[in-house]
Amino acid sequence: MPYASQAADEEIIIRIDGRALDLKGNTPFITNGTTFIPLRLISESLGYKVDWDGETKL
């Protein structure tokens, strides 16, 4: 399956309640025109609890 991936040309700043979120090295990227962002980091910043079950990989 061919695909194209590239780093964002400009720095992407994600703001929550007006504050810039520290992405902690999880740089957003663009693949086939779709921007991918670190969902876990953003979800936890919004107060959600995110768990990973290594056995089921969910």
C-alpha atoms as a PDB file:
ATOM      1  CA  MET A   1       0.000   0.000   0.000  1.00  0.00           C
ATOM      2  CA  PRO A   2       1.751   3.215  -1.097  1.00  0.00           C
ATOM      3  CA  TYR A   3       1.622   6.180   1.204  1.00  0.00           C
ATOM      4  CA  ALA A   4       3.356   9.496   1.731  1.00  0.00           C
ATOM      5  CA  SER A   5       4.457  10.762   5.103  1.00  0.00           C
ATOM      6  CA  GLN A   6       6.025  14.085   5.931  1.00  0.00           C
ATOM      7  CA  ALA A   7       6.794  16.252   8.923  1.00  0.00           C
ATOM      8  CA  ALA A   8       4.689  19.361   9.262  1.00  0.00           C
ATOM      9  CA  ASP A   9       6.233  22.317   7.408  1.00  0.00           C
ATOM     10  CA  GLU A  10       5.406  24.554  10.342  1.00  0.00           C
ATOM     11  CA  GLU A  11       5.373  23.813  14.028  1.00  0.00           C
ATOM     12  CA  ILE A  12       1.945  22.608  15.101  1.00  0.00           C
ATOM     13  CA  ILE A  13       0.802  24.018  18.424  1.00  0.00           C
ATOM     14  CA  ILE A  14      -2.108  22.332  20.179  1.00  0.00           C
ATOM     15  CA  ARG A  15      -3.896  24.529  22.704  1.00  0.00           C
ATOM     16  CA  ILE A  16      -6.253  23.414  25.449  1.00  0.00           C
ATOM     17  CA  ASP A  17      -8.052  26.174  27.351  1.00  0.00           C
ATOM     18  CA  GLY A  18      -5.685  28.672  25.731  1.00  0.00           C
ATOM     19  CA  ARG A  19      -2.536  26.929  26.971  1.00  0.00           C
ATOM     20  CA  ALA A  20      -0.050  25.346  24.574  1.00  0.00           C
ATOM     21  CA  LEU A  21       0.251  21.617  25.190  1.00  0.00           C
ATOM     22  CA  ASP A  22       3.781  20.215  25.638  1.00  0.00           C
ATOM     23  CA  LEU A  23       3.854  17.421  23.049  1.00  0.00           C
ATOM     24  CA  LYS A  24       6.821  15.754  24.820  1.00  0.00           C
ATOM     25  CA  GLY A  25       8.476  14.732  21.556  1.00  0.00           C
ATOM     26  CA  ASN A  26       5.267  13.307  20.044  1.00  0.00           C
ATOM     27  CA  THR A  27       5.468  15.352  16.866  1.00  0.00           C
ATOM     28  CA  PRO A  28       2.303  15.492  14.762  1.00  0.00           C
ATOM     29  CA  PHE A  29       2.818  14.272  11.192  1.00  0.00           C
ATOM     30  CA  ILE A  30       0.944  14.254   7.911  1.00  0.00           C
ATOM     31  CA  THR A  31       0.262  11.097   5.866  1.00  0.00           C
ATOM     32  CA  ASN A  32      -1.728  11.229   2.625  1.00  0.00           C
ATOM     33  CA  GLY A  33      -3.064  14.663   3.562  1.00  0.00           C
ATOM     34  CA  THR A  34      -4.248  13.583   7.041  1.00  0.00           C
ATOM     35  CA  THR A  35      -2.677  15.117  10.156  1.00  0.00           C
ATOM     36  CA  PHE A  36      -2.026  12.654  12.980  1.00  0.00           C
ATOM     37  CA  ILE A  37      -1.762  13.935  16.548  1.00  0.00           C
ATOM     38  CA  PRO A  38      -0.872  12.199  19.850  1.00  0.00           C
ATOM     39  CA  LEU A  39      -4.354  11.121  20.980  1.00  0.00           C
ATOM     40  CA  ARG A  40      -3.287   9.729  24.373  1.00  0.00           C
ATOM     41  CA  LEU A  41      -1.497  12.932  25.387  1.00  0.00           C
ATOM     42  CA  ILE A  42      -4.401  15.117  24.296  1.00  0.00           C
ATOM     43  CA  SER A  43      -7.021  12.861  25.917  1.00  0.00           C
ATOM     44  CA  GLU A  44      -5.164  12.833  29.236  1.00  0.00           C
ATOM     45  CA  SER A  45      -4.759  16.625  29.063  1.00  0.00           C
ATOM     46  CA  LEU A  46      -8.546  16.855  28.781  1.00  0.00           C
ATOM     47  CA  GLY A  47      -8.929  14.759  31.942  1.00  0.00           C
ATOM     48  CA  TYR A  48      -9.627  11.362  30.404  1.00  0.00           C
ATOM     49  CA  LYS A  49      -7.983   8.191  31.717  1.00  0.00           C
ATOM     50  CA  VAL A  50      -6.299   6.129  29.013  1.00  0.00           C
ATOM     51  CA  ASP A  51      -5.281   2.523  29.672  1.00  0.00           C
ATOM     52  CA  TRP A  52      -3.379  -0.006  27.564  1.00  0.00           C
ATOM     53  CA  ASP A  53      -3.947  -3.730  27.924  1.00  0.00           C
ATOM     54  CA  GLY A  54      -0.785  -5.359  26.597  1.00  0.00           C
ATOM     55  CA  GLU A  55      -2.413  -8.788  26.484  1.00  0.00           C
ATOM     56  CA  THR A  56      -5.273  -7.789  24.176  1.00  0.00           C
ATOM     57  CA  LYS A  57      -3.402  -4.801  22.695  1.00  0.00           C
ATOM     58  CA  LEU A  58      -6.433  -2.572  23.251  1.00  0.00           C
END
